[in-house]
Amino acid sequence: MSFVAVLAIGGAVHACIGAGVFFSPDEPHKTQIFVATTLKGLLVSLLVAFSIQNAPRLAFGAAAGLLYGLSFGLVVFLAKGASFRSTPHLIGGSLVQGVVTGLLIAAFAFR
């Protein structure tokens, strides 16, 4: 397993999706949210990589990414007050980020 590839994949996927916060005119903490999203991506990627290191298959990567993406999404959702009005796409976005991260790690970090 390549740690550099794992961290690069997690950071890049989550940073690309987290960059959408810069298009929100009402958000006052854009940089902090972007950095937090990127850090979340690094953590999700490490968890996925360590979870699938014995059997790095695409299905396991996607499943682990789904699990960890959902977990981190729920943590952020609950920390923001568990309101779908303030964070309407947080859980769905976290699921997508986790699955994409897991698939890319399974495909490229173990080659």
PDB file of N, CA and C in Angstrom:
ATOM      1  N   MET A   1       0.854  -1.181   0.000  1.00  0.00           N
ATOM      2  CA  MET A   1       0.000   0.000   0.000  1.00  0.00           C
ATOM      3  C   MET A   1       0.895   1.237   0.000  1.00  0.00           C
ATOM      4  N   SER A   2       0.529   2.186  -0.808  1.00  0.00           N
ATOM      5  CA  SER A   2       1.268   3.440  -0.896  1.00  0.00           C
ATOM      6  C   SER A   2       0.541   4.507  -0.076  1.00  0.00           C
ATOM      7  N   PHE A   3       1.149   4.920   1.037  1.00  0.00           N
ATOM      8  CA  PHE A   3       0.532   5.941   1.890  1.00  0.00           C
ATOM      9  C   PHE A   3       0.380   7.266   1.154  1.00  0.00           C
ATOM     10  N   VAL A   4       1.326   7.579   0.315  1.00  0.00           N
ATOM     11  CA  VAL A   4       1.249   8.831  -0.437  1.00  0.00           C
ATOM     12  C   VAL A   4       0.029   8.804  -1.358  1.00  0.00           C
ATOM     13  N   ALA A   5      -0.174   7.684  -2.033  1.00  0.00           N
ATOM     14  CA  ALA A   5      -1.332   7.565  -2.925  1.00  0.00           C
ATOM     15  C   ALA A   5      -2.635   7.625  -2.134  1.00  0.00           C
ATOM     16  N   VAL A   6      -2.677   6.951  -0.987  1.00  0.00           N
ATOM     17  CA  VAL A   6      -3.881   6.956  -0.148  1.00  0.00           C
ATOM     18  C   VAL A   6      -4.222   8.373   0.288  1.00  0.00           C
ATOM     19  N   LEU A   7      -3.244   9.092   0.794  1.00  0.00           N
ATOM     20  CA  LEU A   7      -3.493  10.461   1.257  1.00  0.00           C
ATOM     21  C   LEU A   7      -3.810  11.401   0.102  1.00  0.00           C
ATOM     22  N   ALA A   8      -3.138  11.218  -1.015  1.00  0.00           N
ATOM     23  CA  ALA A   8      -3.409  12.070  -2.183  1.00  0.00           C
ATOM     24  C   ALA A   8      -4.825  11.850  -2.700  1.00  0.00           C
ATOM     25  N   ILE A   9      -5.263  10.604  -2.766  1.00  0.00           N
ATOM     26  CA  ILE A   9      -6.613  10.311  -3.241  1.00  0.00           C
ATOM     27  C   ILE A   9      -7.647  10.908  -2.299  1.00  0.00           C
ATOM     28  N   GLY A  10      -7.505  10.642  -1.011  1.00  0.00           N
ATOM     29  CA  GLY A  10      -8.478  11.157  -0.041  1.00  0.00           C
ATOM     30  C   GLY A  10      -8.522  12.671  -0.002  1.00  0.00           C
ATOM     31  N   GLY A  11      -7.351  13.285   0.011  1.00  0.00           N
ATOM     32  CA  GLY A  11      -7.307  14.743   0.042  1.00  0.00           C
ATOM     33  C   GLY A  11      -7.863  15.371  -1.222  1.00  0.00           C
ATOM     34  N   ALA A  12      -7.537  14.802  -2.375  1.00  0.00           N
ATOM     35  CA  ALA A  12      -7.979  15.376  -3.644  1.00  0.00           C
ATOM     36  C   ALA A  12      -9.484  15.239  -3.843  1.00  0.00           C
ATOM     37  N   VAL A  13     -10.019  14.054  -3.560  1.00  0.00           N
ATOM     38  CA  VAL A  13     -11.467  13.838  -3.757  1.00  0.00           C
ATOM     39  C   VAL A  13     -12.263  14.771  -2.864  1.00  0.00           C
ATOM     40  N   HIS A  14     -11.909  14.833  -1.613  1.00  0.00           N
ATOM     41  CA  HIS A  14     -12.676  15.653  -0.682  1.00  0.00           C
ATOM     42  C   HIS A  14     -12.432  17.143  -0.886  1.00  0.00           C
ATOM     43  N   ALA A  15     -11.226  17.515  -1.318  1.00  0.00           N
ATOM     44  CA  ALA A  15     -10.963  18.934  -1.593  1.00  0.00           C
ATOM     45  C   ALA A  15     -11.744  19.401  -2.814  1.00  0.00           C
ATOM     46  N   CYS A  16     -11.839  18.552  -3.837  1.00  0.00           N
ATOM     47  CA  CYS A  16     -12.592  18.937  -5.040  1.00  0.00           C
ATOM     48  C   CYS A  16     -14.062  19.163  -4.720  1.00  0.00           C
ATOM     49  N   ILE A  17     -14.631  18.283  -3.928  1.00  0.00           N
ATOM     50  CA  ILE A  17     -16.041  18.431  -3.583  1.00  0.00           C
ATOM     51  C   ILE A  17     -16.224  19.540  -2.551  1.00  0.00           C
ATOM     52  N   GLY A  18     -15.289  19.664  -1.631  1.00  0.00           N
ATOM     53  CA  GLY A  18     -15.370  20.721  -0.618  1.00  0.00           C
ATOM     54  C   GLY A  18     -15.174  22.115  -1.174  1.00  0.00           C
ATOM     55  N   ALA A  19     -14.586  22.217  -2.359  1.00  0.00           N
ATOM     56  CA  ALA A  19     -14.381  23.533  -2.973  1.00  0.00           C
ATOM     57  C   ALA A  19     -15.697  24.198  -3.338  1.00  0.00           C
ATOM     58  N   GLY A  20     -16.761  23.432  -3.361  1.00  0.00           N
ATOM     59  CA  GLY A  20     -18.074  24.002  -3.654  1.00  0.00           C
ATOM     60  C   GLY A  20     -18.518  25.030  -2.636  1.00  0.00           C
ATOM     61  N   VAL A  21     -17.920  25.013  -1.447  1.00  0.00           N
ATOM     62  CA  VAL A  21     -18.303  25.986  -0.416  1.00  0.00           C
ATOM     63  C   VAL A  21     -17.947  27.409  -0.847  1.00  0.00           C
ATOM     64  N   PHE A  22     -16.995  27.554  -1.729  1.00  0.00           N
ATOM     65  CA  PHE A  22     -16.600  28.891  -2.180  1.00  0.00           C
ATOM     66  C   PHE A  22     -17.637  29.532  -3.106  1.00  0.00           C
ATOM     67  N   PHE A  23     -18.616  28.734  -3.541  1.00  0.00           N
ATOM     68  CA  PHE A  23     -19.697  29.261  -4.370  1.00  0.00           C
ATOM     69  C   PHE A  23     -20.936  29.623  -3.558  1.00  0.00           C
ATOM     70  N   SER A  24     -20.860  29.456  -2.250  1.00  0.00           N
ATOM     71  CA  SER A  24     -21.979  29.791  -1.370  1.00  0.00           C
ATOM     72  C   SER A  24     -21.795  31.218  -0.849  1.00  0.00           C
ATOM     73  N   PRO A  25     -22.621  32.147  -1.283  1.00  0.00           N
ATOM     74  CA  PRO A  25     -22.417  33.545  -0.882  1.00  0.00           C
ATOM     75  C   PRO A  25     -22.734  33.812   0.593  1.00  0.00           C
ATOM     76  N   ASP A  26     -23.527  32.951   1.219  1.00  0.00           N
ATOM     77  CA  ASP A  26     -23.944  33.212   2.596  1.00  0.00           C
ATOM     78  C   ASP A  26     -23.035  32.583   3.638  1.00  0.00           C
ATOM     79  N   GLU A  27     -22.071  31.777   3.243  1.00  0.00           N
ATOM     80  CA  GLU A  27     -21.222  31.066   4.204  1.00  0.00           C
ATOM     81  C   GLU A  27     -20.051  31.951   4.635  1.00  0.00           C
ATOM     82  N   PRO A  28     -19.945  32.264   5.942  1.00  0.00           N
ATOM     83  CA  PRO A  28     -18.861  33.139   6.396  1.00  0.00           C
ATOM     84  C   PRO A  28     -17.537  32.412   6.653  1.00  0.00           C
ATOM     85  N   HIS A  29     -17.535  31.093   6.787  1.00  0.00           N
ATOM     86  CA  HIS A  29     -16.327  30.347   7.174  1.00  0.00           C
ATOM     87  C   HIS A  29     -15.885  29.405   6.057  1.00  0.00           C
ATOM     88  N   LYS A  30     -15.679  29.930   4.899  1.00  0.00           N
ATOM     89  CA  LYS A  30     -15.386  29.109   3.725  1.00  0.00           C
ATOM     90  C   LYS A  30     -14.058  28.366   3.847  1.00  0.00           C
ATOM     91  N   THR A  31     -13.017  29.057   4.238  1.00  0.00           N
ATOM     92  CA  THR A  31     -11.702  28.425   4.325  1.00  0.00           C
ATOM     93  C   THR A  31     -11.675  27.333   5.378  1.00  0.00           C
ATOM     94  N   GLN A  32     -12.287  27.578   6.520  1.00  0.00           N
ATOM     95  CA  GLN A  32     -12.314  26.578   7.589  1.00  0.00           C
ATOM     96  C   GLN A  32     -13.070  25.322   7.159  1.00  0.00           C
ATOM     97  N   ILE A  33     -14.175  25.501   6.453  1.00  0.00           N
ATOM     98  CA  ILE A  33     -14.949  24.351   5.976  1.00  0.00           C
ATOM     99  C   ILE A  33     -14.160  23.578   4.927  1.00  0.00           C
ATOM    100  N   PHE A  34     -13.475  24.281   4.050  1.00  0.00           N
ATOM    101  CA  PHE A  34     -12.664  23.626   3.032  1.00  0.00           C
ATOM    102  C   PHE A  34     -11.543  22.795   3.663  1.00  0.00           C
ATOM    103  N   VAL A  35     -10.856  23.360   4.633  1.00  0.00           N
ATOM    104  CA  VAL A  35      -9.774  22.639   5.307  1.00  0.00           C
ATOM    105  C   VAL A  35     -10.329  21.446   6.084  1.00  0.00           C
ATOM    106  N   ALA A  36     -11.452  21.635   6.759  1.00  0.00           N
ATOM    107  CA  ALA A  36     -12.060  20.533   7.513  1.00  0.00           C
ATOM    108  C   ALA A  36     -12.493  19.405   6.584  1.00  0.00           C
ATOM    109  N   THR A  37     -13.040  19.736   5.431  1.00  0.00           N
ATOM    110  CA  THR A  37     -13.449  18.716   4.469  1.00  0.00           C
ATOM    111  C   THR A  37     -12.245  17.950   3.941  1.00  0.00           C
ATOM    112  N   THR A  38     -11.167  18.650   3.682  1.00  0.00           N
ATOM    113  CA  THR A  38      -9.958  17.985   3.201  1.00  0.00           C
ATOM    114  C   THR A  38      -9.375  17.072   4.278  1.00  0.00           C
ATOM    115  N   LEU A  39      -9.354  17.524   5.523  1.00  0.00           N
ATOM    116  CA  LEU A  39      -8.876  16.680   6.626  1.00  0.00           C
ATOM    117  C   LEU A  39      -9.773  15.457   6.808  1.00  0.00           C
ATOM    118  N   LYS A  40     -11.057  15.652   6.662  1.00  0.00           N
ATOM    119  CA  LYS A  40     -11.994  14.527   6.744  1.00  0.00           C
ATOM    120  C   LYS A  40     -11.669  13.513   5.648  1.00  0.00           C
ATOM    121  N   GLY A  41     -11.331  13.990   4.481  1.00  0.00           N
ATOM    122  CA  GLY A  41     -10.957  13.105   3.388  1.00  0.00           C
ATOM    123  C   GLY A  41      -9.699  12.305   3.677  1.00  0.00           C
ATOM    124  N   LEU A  42      -8.734  12.947   4.308  1.00  0.00           N
ATOM    125  CA  LEU A  42      -7.511  12.233   4.683  1.00  0.00           C
ATOM    126  C   LEU A  42      -7.817  11.122   5.685  1.00  0.00           C
ATOM    127  N   LEU A  43      -8.667  11.416   6.660  1.00  0.00           N
ATOM    128  CA  LEU A  43      -9.026  10.410   7.655  1.00  0.00           C
ATOM    129  C   LEU A  43      -9.831   9.268   7.047  1.00  0.00           C
ATOM    130  N   VAL A  44     -10.785   9.593   6.200  1.00  0.00           N
ATOM    131  CA  VAL A  44     -11.582   8.547   5.543  1.00  0.00           C
ATOM    132  C   VAL A  44     -10.672   7.664   4.693  1.00  0.00           C
ATOM    133  N   SER A  45      -9.746   8.263   3.968  1.00  0.00           N
ATOM    134  CA  SER A  45      -8.870   7.472   3.103  1.00  0.00           C
ATOM    135  C   SER A  45      -7.977   6.541   3.918  1.00  0.00           C
ATOM    136  N   LEU A  46      -7.472   7.007   5.040  1.00  0.00           N
ATOM    137  CA  LEU A  46      -6.651   6.136   5.886  1.00  0.00           C
ATOM    138  C   LEU A  46      -7.469   4.986   6.462  1.00  0.00           C
ATOM    139  N   LEU A  47      -8.682   5.281   6.919  1.00  0.00           N
ATOM    140  CA  LEU A  47      -9.535   4.220   7.450  1.00  0.00           C
ATOM    141  C   LEU A  47      -9.872   3.189   6.380  1.00  0.00           C
ATOM    142  N   VAL A  48     -10.192   3.650   5.189  1.00  0.00           N
ATOM    143  CA  VAL A  48     -10.497   2.723   4.089  1.00  0.00           C
ATOM    144  C   VAL A  48      -9.281   1.869   3.774  1.00  0.00           C
ATOM    145  N   ALA A  49      -8.123   2.484   3.647  1.00  0.00           N
ATOM    146  CA  ALA A  49      -6.915   1.749   3.269  1.00  0.00           C
ATOM    147  C   ALA A  49      -6.558   0.689   4.312  1.00  0.00           C
ATOM    148  N   PHE A  50      -6.632   1.042   5.589  1.00  0.00           N
ATOM    149  CA  PHE A  50      -6.307   0.057   6.621  1.00  0.00           C
ATOM    150  C   PHE A  50      -7.374  -1.021   6.726  1.00  0.00           C
ATOM    151  N   SER A  51      -8.599  -0.705   6.377  1.00  0.00           N
ATOM    152  CA  SER A  51      -9.672  -1.698   6.451  1.00  0.00           C
ATOM    153  C   SER A  51      -9.599  -2.723   5.328  1.00  0.00           C
ATOM    154  N   ILE A  52      -9.142  -2.312   4.166  1.00  0.00           N
ATOM    155  CA  ILE A  52      -9.146  -3.231   3.026  1.00  0.00           C
ATOM    156  C   ILE A  52      -7.759  -3.730   2.650  1.00  0.00           C
ATOM    157  N   GLN A  53      -6.759  -3.502   3.471  1.00  0.00           N
ATOM    158  CA  GLN A  53      -5.403  -3.848   3.071  1.00  0.00           C
ATOM    159  C   GLN A  53      -5.199  -5.347   2.859  1.00  0.00           C
ATOM    160  N   ASN A  54      -5.969  -6.207   3.525  1.00  0.00           N
ATOM    161  CA  ASN A  54      -5.813  -7.642   3.331  1.00  0.00           C
ATOM    162  C   ASN A  54      -6.503  -8.134   2.065  1.00  0.00           C
ATOM    163  N   ALA A  55      -7.529  -7.441   1.622  1.00  0.00           N
ATOM    164  CA  ALA A  55      -8.264  -7.831   0.408  1.00  0.00           C
ATOM    165  C   ALA A  55      -8.683  -6.572  -0.345  1.00  0.00           C
ATOM    166  N   PRO A  56      -7.755  -5.930  -1.045  1.00  0.00           N
ATOM    167  CA  PRO A  56      -8.067  -4.653  -1.708  1.00  0.00           C
ATOM    168  C   PRO A  56      -8.863  -4.827  -3.002  1.00  0.00           C
ATOM    169  N   ARG A  57     -10.136  -5.173  -2.883  1.00  0.00           N
ATOM    170  CA  ARG A  57     -11.014  -5.299  -4.046  1.00  0.00           C
ATOM    171  C   ARG A  57     -11.887  -4.055  -4.148  1.00  0.00           C
ATOM    172  N   LEU A  58     -12.368  -3.792  -5.349  1.00  0.00           N
ATOM    173  CA  LEU A  58     -13.184  -2.599  -5.567  1.00  0.00           C
ATOM    174  C   LEU A  58     -14.447  -2.618  -4.713  1.00  0.00           C
ATOM    175  N   ALA A  59     -15.084  -3.772  -4.595  1.00  0.00           N
ATOM    176  CA  ALA A  59     -16.316  -3.852  -3.808  1.00  0.00           C
ATOM    177  C   ALA A  59     -16.046  -3.563  -2.336  1.00  0.00           C
ATOM    178  N   PHE A  60     -14.941  -4.085  -1.817  1.00  0.00           N
ATOM    179  CA  PHE A  60     -14.602  -3.814  -0.416  1.00  0.00           C
ATOM    180  C   PHE A  60     -14.241  -2.349  -0.214  1.00  0.00           C
ATOM    181  N   GLY A  61     -13.550  -1.773  -1.179  1.00  0.00           N
ATOM    182  CA  GLY A  61     -13.206  -0.355  -1.103  1.00  0.00           C
ATOM    183  C   GLY A  61     -14.447   0.517  -1.096  1.00  0.00           C
ATOM    184  N   ALA A  62     -15.402   0.197  -1.981  1.00  0.00           N
ATOM    185  CA  ALA A  62     -16.642   0.965  -2.032  1.00  0.00           C
ATOM    186  C   ALA A  62     -17.441   0.804  -0.744  1.00  0.00           C
ATOM    187  N   ALA A  63     -17.503  -0.413  -0.214  1.00  0.00           N
ATOM    188  CA  ALA A  63     -18.259  -0.660   1.019  1.00  0.00           C
ATOM    189  C   ALA A  63     -17.618   0.050   2.209  1.00  0.00           C
ATOM    190  N   ALA A  64     -16.298  -0.025   2.308  1.00  0.00           N
ATOM    191  CA  ALA A  64     -15.613   0.660   3.402  1.00  0.00           C
ATOM    192  C   ALA A  64     -15.765   2.169   3.265  1.00  0.00           C
ATOM    193  N   GLY A  65     -15.668   2.681   2.046  1.00  0.00           N
ATOM    194  CA  GLY A  65     -15.866   4.113   1.817  1.00  0.00           C
ATOM    195  C   GLY A  65     -17.275   4.547   2.168  1.00  0.00           C
ATOM    196  N   LEU A  66     -18.254   3.720   1.841  1.00  0.00           N
ATOM    197  CA  LEU A  66     -19.645   4.009   2.200  1.00  0.00           C
ATOM    198  C   LEU A  66     -19.806   4.086   3.713  1.00  0.00           C
ATOM    199  N   LEU A  67     -19.239   3.114   4.413  1.00  0.00           N
ATOM    200  CA  LEU A  67     -19.340   3.074   5.876  1.00  0.00           C
ATOM    201  C   LEU A  67     -18.677   4.285   6.522  1.00  0.00           C
ATOM    202  N   TYR A  68     -17.441   4.550   6.137  1.00  0.00           N
ATOM    203  CA  TYR A  68     -16.714   5.649   6.771  1.00  0.00           C
ATOM    204  C   TYR A  68     -17.204   7.013   6.305  1.00  0.00           C
ATOM    205  N   GLY A  69     -17.616   7.120   5.065  1.00  0.00           N
ATOM    206  CA  GLY A  69     -18.205   8.379   4.585  1.00  0.00           C
ATOM    207  C   GLY A  69     -19.484   8.703   5.334  1.00  0.00           C
ATOM    208  N   LEU A  70     -20.340   7.691   5.499  1.00  0.00           N
ATOM    209  CA  LEU A  70     -21.578   7.893   6.258  1.00  0.00           C
ATOM    210  C   LEU A  70     -21.281   8.258   7.704  1.00  0.00           C
ATOM    211  N   SER A  71     -20.325   7.570   8.312  1.00  0.00           N
ATOM    212  CA  SER A  71     -19.993   7.845   9.721  1.00  0.00           C
ATOM    213  C   SER A  71     -19.517   9.281   9.917  1.00  0.00           C
ATOM    214  N   PHE A  72     -18.585   9.706   9.088  1.00  0.00           N
ATOM    215  CA  PHE A  72     -18.083  11.075   9.223  1.00  0.00           C
ATOM    216  C   PHE A  72     -19.154  12.092   8.853  1.00  0.00           C
ATOM    217  N   GLY A  73     -19.976  11.777   7.862  1.00  0.00           N
ATOM    218  CA  GLY A  73     -21.073  12.670   7.506  1.00  0.00           C
ATOM    219  C   GLY A  73     -22.058  12.840   8.643  1.00  0.00           C
ATOM    220  N   LEU A  74     -22.374  11.742   9.332  1.00  0.00           N
ATOM    221  CA  LEU A  74     -23.284  11.828  10.475  1.00  0.00           C
ATOM    222  C   LEU A  74     -22.684  12.637  11.622  1.00  0.00           C
ATOM    223  N   VAL A  75     -21.395  12.477  11.839  1.00  0.00           N
ATOM    224  CA  VAL A  75     -20.735  13.250  12.900  1.00  0.00           C
ATOM    225  C   VAL A  75     -20.847  14.743  12.615  1.00  0.00           C
ATOM    226  N   VAL A  76     -20.550  15.143  11.397  1.00  0.00           N
ATOM    227  CA  VAL A  76     -20.627  16.564  11.036  1.00  0.00           C
ATOM    228  C   VAL A  76     -22.071  17.047  11.068  1.00  0.00           C
ATOM    229  N   PHE A  77     -22.999  16.218  10.564  1.00  0.00           N
ATOM    230  CA  PHE A  77     -24.417  16.562  10.563  1.00  0.00           C
ATOM    231  C   PHE A  77     -24.916  16.805  11.989  1.00  0.00           C
ATOM    232  N   LEU A  78     -24.571  15.927  12.896  1.00  0.00           N
ATOM    233  CA  LEU A  78     -25.003  16.086  14.285  1.00  0.00           C
ATOM    234  C   LEU A  78     -24.315  17.277  14.948  1.00  0.00           C
ATOM    235  N   ALA A  79     -23.057  17.516  14.612  1.00  0.00           N
ATOM    236  CA  ALA A  79     -22.342  18.654  15.190  1.00  0.00           C
ATOM    237  C   ALA A  79     -22.906  19.987  14.712  1.00  0.00           C
ATOM    238  N   LYS A  80     -23.495  19.985  13.516  1.00  0.00           N
ATOM    239  CA  LYS A  80     -24.085  21.222  12.978  1.00  0.00           C
ATOM    240  C   LYS A  80     -25.530  21.408  13.427  1.00  0.00           C
ATOM    241  N   GLY A  81     -26.015  20.562  14.328  1.00  0.00           N
ATOM    242  CA  GLY A  81     -27.351  20.739  14.883  1.00  0.00           C
ATOM    243  C   GLY A  81     -28.402  19.803  14.324  1.00  0.00           C
ATOM    244  N   ALA A  82     -28.017  18.846  13.504  1.00  0.00           N
ATOM    245  CA  ALA A  82     -28.923  17.844  12.941  1.00  0.00           C
ATOM    246  C   ALA A  82     -30.118  18.483  12.241  1.00  0.00           C
ATOM    247  N   SER A  83     -29.835  19.483  11.431  1.00  0.00           N
ATOM    248  CA  SER A  83     -30.887  20.180  10.711  1.00  0.00           C
ATOM    249  C   SER A  83     -30.653  20.037   9.212  1.00  0.00           C
ATOM    250  N   PHE A  84     -31.652  19.477   8.519  1.00  0.00           N
ATOM    251  CA  PHE A  84     -31.530  19.355   7.074  1.00  0.00           C
ATOM    252  C   PHE A  84     -31.645  20.707   6.386  1.00  0.00           C
ATOM    253  N   ARG A  85     -32.123  21.710   7.092  1.00  0.00           N
ATOM    254  CA  ARG A  85     -32.187  23.056   6.502  1.00  0.00           C
ATOM    255  C   ARG A  85     -30.807  23.679   6.375  1.00  0.00           C
ATOM    256  N   SER A  86     -29.966  23.492   7.398  1.00  0.00           N
ATOM    257  CA  SER A  86     -28.636  24.095   7.359  1.00  0.00           C
ATOM    258  C   SER A  86     -27.634  23.241   6.586  1.00  0.00           C
ATOM    259  N   THR A  87     -27.858  21.939   6.527  1.00  0.00           N
ATOM    260  CA  THR A  87     -26.937  21.040   5.819  1.00  0.00           C
ATOM    261  C   THR A  87     -27.727  20.038   4.985  1.00  0.00           C
ATOM    262  N   PRO A  88     -28.368  20.486   3.906  1.00  0.00           N
ATOM    263  CA  PRO A  88     -29.270  19.602   3.169  1.00  0.00           C
ATOM    264  C   PRO A  88     -28.580  18.462   2.422  1.00  0.00           C
ATOM    265  N   HIS A  89     -27.359  18.648   1.990  1.00  0.00           N
ATOM    266  CA  HIS A  89     -26.693  17.639   1.159  1.00  0.00           C
ATOM    267  C   HIS A  89     -25.493  17.011   1.846  1.00  0.00           C
ATOM    268  N   LEU A  90     -25.356  17.199   3.127  1.00  0.00           N
ATOM    269  CA  LEU A  90     -24.158  16.759   3.834  1.00  0.00           C
ATOM    270  C   LEU A  90     -24.029  15.243   3.863  1.00  0.00           C
ATOM    271  N   ILE A  91     -25.069  14.544   4.235  1.00  0.00           N
ATOM    272  CA  ILE A  91     -24.971  13.086   4.363  1.00  0.00           C
ATOM    273  C   ILE A  91     -24.826  12.436   2.985  1.00  0.00           C
ATOM    274  N   GLY A  92     -25.620  12.867   2.029  1.00  0.00           N
ATOM    275  CA  GLY A  92     -25.503  12.316   0.673  1.00  0.00           C
ATOM    276  C   GLY A  92     -24.142  12.586   0.062  1.00  0.00           C
ATOM    277  N   GLY A  93     -23.653  13.794   0.247  1.00  0.00           N
ATOM    278  CA  GLY A  93     -22.328  14.139  -0.267  1.00  0.00           C
ATOM    279  C   GLY A  93     -21.227  13.339   0.393  1.00  0.00           C
ATOM    280  N   SER A  94     -21.363  13.101   1.689  1.00  0.00           N
ATOM    281  CA  SER A  94     -20.362  12.305   2.401  1.00  0.00           C
ATOM    282  C   SER A  94     -20.365  10.858   1.921  1.00  0.00           C
ATOM    283  N   LEU A  95     -21.545  10.330   1.626  1.00  0.00           N
ATOM    284  CA  LEU A  95     -21.625   8.971   1.077  1.00  0.00           C
ATOM    285  C   LEU A  95     -20.920   8.886  -0.274  1.00  0.00           C
ATOM    286  N   VAL A  96     -21.192   9.845  -1.136  1.00  0.00           N
ATOM    287  CA  VAL A  96     -20.565   9.848  -2.466  1.00  0.00           C
ATOM    288  C   VAL A  96     -19.053  10.005  -2.345  1.00  0.00           C
ATOM    289  N   GLN A  97     -18.618  10.921  -1.499  1.00  0.00           N
ATOM    290  CA  GLN A  97     -17.185  11.120  -1.295  1.00  0.00           C
ATOM    291  C   GLN A  97     -16.526   9.848  -0.789  1.00  0.00           C
ATOM    292  N   GLY A  98     -17.157   9.179   0.157  1.00  0.00           N
ATOM    293  CA  GLY A  98     -16.590   7.954   0.717  1.00  0.00           C
ATOM    294  C   GLY A  98     -16.493   6.841  -0.303  1.00  0.00           C
ATOM    295  N   VAL A  99     -17.547   6.649  -1.087  1.00  0.00           N
ATOM    296  CA  VAL A  99     -17.532   5.583  -2.094  1.00  0.00           C
ATOM    297  C   VAL A  99     -16.479   5.856  -3.162  1.00  0.00           C
ATOM    298  N   VAL A 100     -16.416   7.076  -3.647  1.00  0.00           N
ATOM    299  CA  VAL A 100     -15.412   7.418  -4.668  1.00  0.00           C
ATOM    300  C   VAL A 100     -14.002   7.237  -4.105  1.00  0.00           C
ATOM    301  N   THR A 101     -13.786   7.687  -2.883  1.00  0.00           N
ATOM    302  CA  THR A 101     -12.480   7.525  -2.244  1.00  0.00           C
ATOM    303  C   THR A 101     -12.134   6.053  -2.104  1.00  0.00           C
ATOM    304  N   GLY A 102     -13.075   5.243  -1.632  1.00  0.00           N
ATOM    305  CA  GLY A 102     -12.822   3.815  -1.468  1.00  0.00           C
ATOM    306  C   GLY A 102     -12.511   3.115  -2.778  1.00  0.00           C
ATOM    307  N   LEU A 103     -13.262   3.445  -3.822  1.00  0.00           N
ATOM    308  CA  LEU A 103     -13.005   2.834  -5.134  1.00  0.00           C
ATOM    309  C   LEU A 103     -11.626   3.209  -5.670  1.00  0.00           C
ATOM    310  N   LEU A 104     -11.274   4.477  -5.558  1.00  0.00           N
ATOM    311  CA  LEU A 104      -9.970   4.919  -6.075  1.00  0.00           C
ATOM    312  C   LEU A 104      -8.817   4.330  -5.281  1.00  0.00           C
ATOM    313  N   ILE A 105      -8.986   4.209  -3.975  1.00  0.00           N
ATOM    314  CA  ILE A 105      -7.927   3.609  -3.158  1.00  0.00           C
ATOM    315  C   ILE A 105      -7.759   2.140  -3.508  1.00  0.00           C
ATOM    316  N   ALA A 106      -8.867   1.416  -3.630  1.00  0.00           N
ATOM    317  CA  ALA A 106      -8.780   0.004  -3.989  1.00  0.00           C
ATOM    318  C   ALA A 106      -8.166  -0.181  -5.378  1.00  0.00           C
ATOM    319  N   ALA A 107      -8.457   0.740  -6.279  1.00  0.00           N
ATOM    320  CA  ALA A 107      -7.965   0.613  -7.650  1.00  0.00           C
ATOM    321  C   ALA A 107      -6.502   1.010  -7.813  1.00  0.00           C
ATOM    322  N   PHE A 108      -6.064   2.028  -7.075  1.00  0.00           N
ATOM    323  CA  PHE A 108      -4.742   2.592  -7.367  1.00  0.00           C
ATOM    324  C   PHE A 108      -3.715   2.521  -6.237  1.00  0.00           C
ATOM    325  N   ALA A 109      -4.135   2.493  -4.989  1.00  0.00           N
ATOM    326  CA  ALA A 109      -3.168   2.569  -3.894  1.00  0.00           C
ATOM    327  C   ALA A 109      -2.502   1.235  -3.581  1.00  0.00           C
ATOM    328  N   PHE A 110      -3.056   0.149  -4.094  1.00  0.00           N
ATOM    329  CA  PHE A 110      -2.486  -1.168  -3.806  1.00  0.00           C
ATOM    330  C   PHE A 110      -1.824  -1.783  -5.025  1.00  0.00           C
ATOM    331  N   ARG A 111      -1.564  -1.024  -6.045  1.00  0.00           N
ATOM    332  CA  ARG A 111      -0.933  -1.561  -7.268  1.00  0.00           C
ATOM    333  C   ARG A 111       0.552  -1.401  -7.207  1.00  0.00           C
TER     334      ARG A 111
END
